[in-house]
């Protein structure tokens, strides 16, 4: 059974950095686009970043451009989210996801992890 497991969340001060990891198991996701989403308390889940299967294309929501970097290691079936210059408004549960297509939109992500909490203190 395919499974995505996030790790690397935690508590960090504003301006600090965290690196999230999403490890996949049960099947290879090397042909899947991978993405990161987040959900803050009382808000809807929102798209953060995505990377194509080859890693050659990436896409970010405007609020994280220049601060967050998504990358992947297909040999390890793993995707990463490097988060720098963190702000209190980045506080949320972060979820990783996988989609059969990079251009399918948020609704195309069909595999989801359980999430990891990121808290940024001011």
N, C-alpha and C. Protein backbone atom coordinates (compact mmCIF):
# COMPACT_ATOMS: atom_id res chain seq x y z
N UNK A 1 0.83 -1.18 0.00
CA UNK A 1 0.00 0.00 0.00
C UNK A 1 0.88 1.25 0.00
N UNK A 2 0.61 2.15 -0.91
CA UNK A 2 1.41 3.37 -1.01
C UNK A 2 1.21 4.25 0.22
N UNK A 3 2.31 4.82 0.69
CA UNK A 3 2.25 5.63 1.90
C UNK A 3 3.25 6.77 1.79
N UNK A 4 2.82 7.94 2.22
CA UNK A 4 3.69 9.12 2.30
C UNK A 4 3.81 9.52 3.76
N UNK A 5 5.03 9.72 4.24
CA UNK A 5 5.25 10.06 5.63
C UNK A 5 6.13 11.30 5.71
N UNK A 6 5.58 12.35 6.35
CA UNK A 6 6.32 13.60 6.51
C UNK A 6 7.09 13.60 7.82
N UNK A 7 8.19 14.32 7.83
CA UNK A 7 8.97 14.53 9.05
C UNK A 7 9.71 15.85 8.93
N UNK A 8 10.24 16.30 10.06
CA UNK A 8 11.06 17.52 10.05
C UNK A 8 10.37 18.75 10.58
N UNK A 9 9.10 18.64 10.91
CA UNK A 9 8.41 19.79 11.48
C UNK A 9 8.89 20.08 12.90
N UNK A 10 8.44 21.21 13.42
CA UNK A 10 8.83 21.57 14.78
C UNK A 10 8.56 23.03 15.07
N UNK A 11 9.15 23.50 16.15
CA UNK A 11 9.01 24.89 16.60
C UNK A 11 10.29 25.64 16.27
N UNK A 12 10.14 26.78 15.62
CA UNK A 12 11.30 27.58 15.24
C UNK A 12 10.95 29.05 15.40
N UNK A 13 11.95 29.86 15.68
CA UNK A 13 11.72 31.30 15.79
C UNK A 13 11.63 31.93 14.39
N UNK A 14 10.95 33.04 14.34
CA UNK A 14 10.85 33.77 13.07
C UNK A 14 12.26 34.07 12.53
N UNK A 15 12.42 33.88 11.25
CA UNK A 15 13.72 34.05 10.62
C UNK A 15 14.52 32.78 10.52
N UNK A 16 14.07 31.74 11.20
CA UNK A 16 14.78 30.48 11.20
C UNK A 16 14.44 29.60 10.01
N UNK A 17 14.98 28.39 10.03
CA UNK A 17 14.82 27.47 8.91
C UNK A 17 14.40 26.09 9.40
N UNK A 18 13.70 25.39 8.54
CA UNK A 18 13.37 23.98 8.75
C UNK A 18 13.43 23.28 7.40
N UNK A 19 13.71 21.98 7.45
CA UNK A 19 13.69 21.17 6.23
C UNK A 19 12.71 20.02 6.45
N UNK A 20 11.66 20.01 5.68
CA UNK A 20 10.68 18.93 5.73
C UNK A 20 11.07 17.84 4.75
N UNK A 21 10.80 16.62 5.16
CA UNK A 21 11.06 15.45 4.33
C UNK A 21 9.79 14.64 4.18
N UNK A 22 9.55 14.14 2.98
CA UNK A 22 8.41 13.26 2.73
C UNK A 22 8.93 11.99 2.09
N UNK A 23 8.90 10.92 2.85
CA UNK A 23 9.37 9.63 2.37
C UNK A 23 8.20 8.80 1.89
N UNK A 24 8.35 8.22 0.71
CA UNK A 24 7.29 7.39 0.15
C UNK A 24 7.66 5.92 0.25
N UNK A 25 6.66 5.10 0.41
CA UNK A 25 6.87 3.66 0.45
C UNK A 25 5.69 2.95 -0.19
N UNK A 26 5.87 1.68 -0.47
CA UNK A 26 4.78 0.89 -1.04
C UNK A 26 4.76 0.89 -2.55
N UNK A 27 5.29 1.91 -3.17
CA UNK A 27 5.42 1.97 -4.62
C UNK A 27 6.38 3.09 -4.95
N UNK A 28 6.91 3.08 -6.15
CA UNK A 28 7.78 4.16 -6.56
C UNK A 28 6.95 5.34 -7.05
N UNK A 29 7.38 6.53 -6.65
CA UNK A 29 6.70 7.75 -7.08
C UNK A 29 7.59 8.55 -8.03
N UNK A 30 8.54 7.89 -8.66
CA UNK A 30 9.48 8.60 -9.52
C UNK A 30 8.81 9.21 -10.75
N UNK A 31 7.66 8.69 -11.15
CA UNK A 31 6.95 9.25 -12.31
C UNK A 31 5.83 10.20 -11.90
N UNK A 32 5.73 10.48 -10.61
CA UNK A 32 4.68 11.35 -10.08
C UNK A 32 5.23 12.73 -9.77
N UNK A 33 4.43 13.74 -10.02
CA UNK A 33 4.72 15.05 -9.46
C UNK A 33 4.49 14.98 -7.95
N UNK A 34 5.25 15.75 -7.23
CA UNK A 34 5.12 15.77 -5.78
C UNK A 34 4.84 17.20 -5.34
N UNK A 35 4.11 17.30 -4.27
CA UNK A 35 3.75 18.64 -3.81
C UNK A 35 3.71 18.75 -2.30
N UNK A 36 3.70 19.99 -1.85
CA UNK A 36 3.52 20.31 -0.43
C UNK A 36 2.33 21.27 -0.31
N UNK A 37 1.50 21.01 0.68
CA UNK A 37 0.36 21.85 1.01
C UNK A 37 0.43 22.16 2.49
N UNK A 38 -0.34 23.13 2.94
CA UNK A 38 -0.38 23.43 4.37
C UNK A 38 -1.78 23.89 4.76
N UNK A 39 -2.08 23.68 6.03
CA UNK A 39 -3.37 24.10 6.57
C UNK A 39 -3.17 24.72 7.93
N UNK A 40 -3.48 25.99 8.03
CA UNK A 40 -3.40 26.71 9.29
C UNK A 40 -4.72 26.57 10.03
N UNK A 41 -4.71 26.75 11.35
CA UNK A 41 -5.95 26.62 12.13
C UNK A 41 -7.04 27.55 11.60
N UNK A 42 -8.22 27.00 11.37
CA UNK A 42 -9.34 27.79 10.93
C UNK A 42 -9.32 28.17 9.47
N UNK A 43 -8.33 27.66 8.72
CA UNK A 43 -8.23 28.00 7.31
C UNK A 43 -8.28 26.75 6.45
N UNK A 44 -8.54 26.95 5.18
CA UNK A 44 -8.54 25.83 4.24
C UNK A 44 -7.10 25.44 3.90
N UNK A 45 -6.95 24.19 3.47
CA UNK A 45 -5.65 23.73 3.03
C UNK A 45 -5.27 24.49 1.76
N UNK A 46 -4.01 24.89 1.68
CA UNK A 46 -3.55 25.66 0.53
C UNK A 46 -2.28 25.05 -0.07
N UNK A 47 -2.14 25.26 -1.35
CA UNK A 47 -0.96 24.81 -2.07
C UNK A 47 0.27 25.61 -1.65
N UNK A 48 1.41 24.93 -1.52
CA UNK A 48 2.66 25.60 -1.19
C UNK A 48 3.66 25.51 -2.35
N UNK A 49 3.94 24.26 -2.78
CA UNK A 49 4.96 24.07 -3.82
C UNK A 49 4.75 22.72 -4.48
N UNK A 50 5.24 22.62 -5.71
CA UNK A 50 5.18 21.35 -6.43
C UNK A 50 6.42 21.20 -7.30
N UNK A 51 6.75 19.95 -7.60
CA UNK A 51 7.90 19.65 -8.43
C UNK A 51 7.52 18.54 -9.39
N UNK A 52 7.98 18.65 -10.63
CA UNK A 52 7.64 17.64 -11.62
C UNK A 52 8.39 16.33 -11.35
N UNK A 53 8.02 15.29 -12.07
CA UNK A 53 8.60 13.98 -11.84
C UNK A 53 10.12 13.99 -12.03
N UNK A 54 10.59 14.71 -13.02
CA UNK A 54 12.03 14.76 -13.29
C UNK A 54 12.75 15.74 -12.38
N UNK A 55 11.99 16.62 -11.74
CA UNK A 55 12.60 17.67 -10.93
C UNK A 55 12.93 18.91 -11.73
N UNK A 56 12.65 18.88 -13.03
CA UNK A 56 13.04 19.99 -13.89
C UNK A 56 12.13 21.20 -13.82
N UNK A 57 10.93 21.00 -13.28
CA UNK A 57 9.98 22.11 -13.16
C UNK A 57 9.49 22.21 -11.73
N UNK A 58 9.37 23.43 -11.24
CA UNK A 58 8.84 23.68 -9.91
C UNK A 58 7.84 24.83 -9.97
N UNK A 59 6.99 24.87 -8.97
CA UNK A 59 5.97 25.92 -8.89
C UNK A 59 5.73 26.23 -7.41
N UNK A 60 5.62 27.52 -7.09
CA UNK A 60 5.44 27.94 -5.71
C UNK A 60 4.28 28.93 -5.59
N UNK A 61 3.63 28.90 -4.46
CA UNK A 61 2.67 29.96 -4.18
C UNK A 61 3.45 31.24 -3.91
N UNK A 62 2.86 32.38 -4.22
CA UNK A 62 3.60 33.64 -4.16
C UNK A 62 4.19 33.94 -2.79
N UNK A 63 3.49 33.56 -1.73
CA UNK A 63 3.93 33.93 -0.39
C UNK A 63 5.21 33.24 0.06
N UNK A 64 5.63 32.18 -0.64
CA UNK A 64 6.85 31.47 -0.22
C UNK A 64 7.98 31.59 -1.24
N UNK A 65 7.72 32.22 -2.36
CA UNK A 65 8.75 32.35 -3.39
C UNK A 65 9.97 33.09 -2.84
N UNK A 66 11.15 32.53 -3.12
CA UNK A 66 12.38 33.12 -2.63
C UNK A 66 12.76 32.67 -1.23
N UNK A 67 11.84 32.00 -0.52
CA UNK A 67 12.12 31.53 0.84
C UNK A 67 12.11 30.00 0.93
N UNK A 68 11.23 29.36 0.18
CA UNK A 68 11.10 27.90 0.22
C UNK A 68 11.66 27.29 -1.06
N UNK A 69 12.22 26.09 -0.93
CA UNK A 69 12.73 25.36 -2.10
C UNK A 69 12.27 23.92 -2.01
N UNK A 70 11.62 23.45 -3.06
CA UNK A 70 11.22 22.05 -3.13
C UNK A 70 12.24 21.30 -3.98
N UNK A 71 12.57 20.09 -3.55
CA UNK A 71 13.49 19.25 -4.30
C UNK A 71 13.11 17.79 -4.10
N UNK A 72 13.72 16.92 -4.89
CA UNK A 72 13.38 15.52 -4.76
C UNK A 72 14.59 14.65 -5.07
N UNK A 73 14.56 13.44 -4.53
CA UNK A 73 15.57 12.43 -4.79
C UNK A 73 14.80 11.17 -5.18
N UNK A 74 14.70 10.92 -6.46
CA UNK A 74 13.91 9.77 -6.91
C UNK A 74 14.52 8.44 -6.50
N UNK A 75 15.82 8.42 -6.33
CA UNK A 75 16.47 7.20 -5.88
C UNK A 75 16.04 6.82 -4.47
N UNK A 76 15.67 7.83 -3.69
CA UNK A 76 15.22 7.59 -2.32
C UNK A 76 13.71 7.70 -2.19
N UNK A 77 13.03 7.95 -3.31
CA UNK A 77 11.56 8.06 -3.28
C UNK A 77 11.12 9.16 -2.31
N UNK A 78 11.89 10.23 -2.26
CA UNK A 78 11.72 11.26 -1.22
C UNK A 78 11.65 12.66 -1.83
N UNK A 79 10.87 13.52 -1.21
CA UNK A 79 10.80 14.92 -1.61
C UNK A 79 11.06 15.78 -0.37
N UNK A 80 11.64 16.94 -0.58
CA UNK A 80 12.02 17.82 0.50
C UNK A 80 11.41 19.21 0.31
N UNK A 81 11.27 19.90 1.43
CA UNK A 81 10.88 21.31 1.38
C UNK A 81 11.80 22.06 2.34
N UNK A 82 12.73 22.80 1.77
CA UNK A 82 13.62 23.64 2.57
C UNK A 82 12.93 24.98 2.79
N UNK A 83 12.74 25.32 4.04
CA UNK A 83 12.02 26.55 4.39
C UNK A 83 12.96 27.49 5.14
N UNK A 84 13.24 28.63 4.55
CA UNK A 84 14.11 29.63 5.15
C UNK A 84 13.33 30.90 5.44
N UNK A 85 13.90 31.75 6.26
CA UNK A 85 13.27 33.03 6.60
C UNK A 85 11.82 32.84 7.02
N UNK A 86 11.60 31.88 7.88
CA UNK A 86 10.23 31.55 8.28
C UNK A 86 9.55 32.69 9.01
N UNK A 87 8.25 32.79 8.80
CA UNK A 87 7.43 33.84 9.40
C UNK A 87 6.33 33.19 10.24
N UNK A 88 5.80 33.91 11.22
CA UNK A 88 4.70 33.35 12.01
C UNK A 88 3.53 32.89 11.14
N UNK A 89 3.28 33.56 10.03
CA UNK A 89 2.17 33.18 9.16
C UNK A 89 2.43 31.89 8.39
N UNK A 90 3.64 31.34 8.50
CA UNK A 90 3.92 30.03 7.92
C UNK A 90 3.48 28.89 8.84
N UNK A 91 3.05 29.22 10.03
CA UNK A 91 2.60 28.21 10.98
C UNK A 91 1.40 27.45 10.41
N UNK A 92 1.53 26.12 10.36
CA UNK A 92 0.49 25.28 9.79
C UNK A 92 0.90 23.82 9.91
N UNK A 93 -0.03 22.94 9.62
CA UNK A 93 0.31 21.55 9.37
C UNK A 93 0.66 21.42 7.90
N UNK A 94 1.82 20.86 7.63
CA UNK A 94 2.31 20.71 6.26
C UNK A 94 2.11 19.27 5.80
N UNK A 95 1.52 19.14 4.62
CA UNK A 95 1.23 17.83 4.05
C UNK A 95 1.99 17.66 2.73
N UNK A 96 2.50 16.47 2.50
CA UNK A 96 3.04 16.17 1.19
C UNK A 96 2.01 15.35 0.41
N UNK A 97 2.14 15.42 -0.89
CA UNK A 97 1.17 14.76 -1.75
C UNK A 97 1.83 14.36 -3.07
N UNK A 98 1.17 13.48 -3.79
CA UNK A 98 1.69 13.01 -5.08
C UNK A 98 0.58 13.03 -6.12
N UNK A 99 0.95 13.41 -7.33
CA UNK A 99 0.00 13.49 -8.43
C UNK A 99 0.60 12.83 -9.67
N UNK A 100 -0.27 12.21 -10.45
CA UNK A 100 0.20 11.56 -11.67
C UNK A 100 0.61 12.57 -12.73
N UNK A 101 0.22 13.84 -12.55
CA UNK A 101 0.56 14.86 -13.53
C UNK A 101 0.95 16.16 -12.83
N UNK A 102 1.91 16.86 -13.37
CA UNK A 102 2.36 18.14 -12.81
C UNK A 102 1.38 19.25 -13.14
N UNK A 103 0.59 19.08 -14.20
CA UNK A 103 -0.27 20.15 -14.70
C UNK A 103 -1.74 19.92 -14.39
N UNK A 104 -2.04 19.03 -13.46
CA UNK A 104 -3.43 18.70 -13.19
C UNK A 104 -4.11 19.56 -12.17
N UNK A 105 -3.39 20.45 -11.52
CA UNK A 105 -3.99 21.28 -10.48
C UNK A 105 -4.06 20.55 -9.15
N UNK A 106 -4.53 21.27 -8.15
CA UNK A 106 -4.54 20.72 -6.79
C UNK A 106 -5.37 19.45 -6.69
N UNK A 107 -6.44 19.36 -7.45
CA UNK A 107 -7.31 18.20 -7.39
C UNK A 107 -6.70 16.92 -7.91
N UNK A 108 -5.58 17.03 -8.60
CA UNK A 108 -4.92 15.85 -9.16
C UNK A 108 -4.05 15.13 -8.15
N UNK A 109 -3.82 15.74 -7.00
CA UNK A 109 -3.00 15.09 -5.97
C UNK A 109 -3.87 14.07 -5.26
N UNK A 110 -3.54 12.80 -5.41
CA UNK A 110 -4.38 11.72 -4.91
C UNK A 110 -3.78 10.95 -3.76
N UNK A 111 -2.47 11.09 -3.57
CA UNK A 111 -1.82 10.45 -2.43
C UNK A 111 -1.42 11.55 -1.43
N UNK A 112 -1.71 11.30 -0.15
CA UNK A 112 -1.47 12.31 0.87
C UNK A 112 -0.82 11.69 2.10
N UNK A 113 0.07 12.48 2.72
CA UNK A 113 0.62 12.08 4.00
C UNK A 113 -0.27 12.56 5.13
N UNK A 114 0.14 12.25 6.35
CA UNK A 114 -0.64 12.61 7.53
C UNK A 114 -0.34 14.01 8.05
N UNK A 115 0.76 14.59 7.61
CA UNK A 115 1.07 15.95 7.99
C UNK A 115 2.09 16.05 9.11
N UNK A 116 2.79 17.18 9.13
CA UNK A 116 3.73 17.50 10.19
C UNK A 116 3.55 18.96 10.59
N UNK A 117 3.56 19.21 11.89
CA UNK A 117 3.28 20.56 12.40
C UNK A 117 4.52 21.44 12.31
N UNK A 118 4.34 22.61 11.77
CA UNK A 118 5.37 23.65 11.77
C UNK A 118 4.83 24.85 12.52
N UNK A 119 5.55 25.27 13.54
CA UNK A 119 5.14 26.42 14.33
C UNK A 119 6.27 27.43 14.35
N UNK A 120 5.96 28.65 13.94
CA UNK A 120 6.96 29.72 13.89
C UNK A 120 6.57 30.77 14.92
N UNK A 121 7.42 30.98 15.89
CA UNK A 121 7.14 31.95 16.95
C UNK A 121 7.73 33.31 16.58
N UNK A 122 7.06 34.35 17.05
CA UNK A 122 7.50 35.71 16.73
C UNK A 122 8.48 36.23 17.77
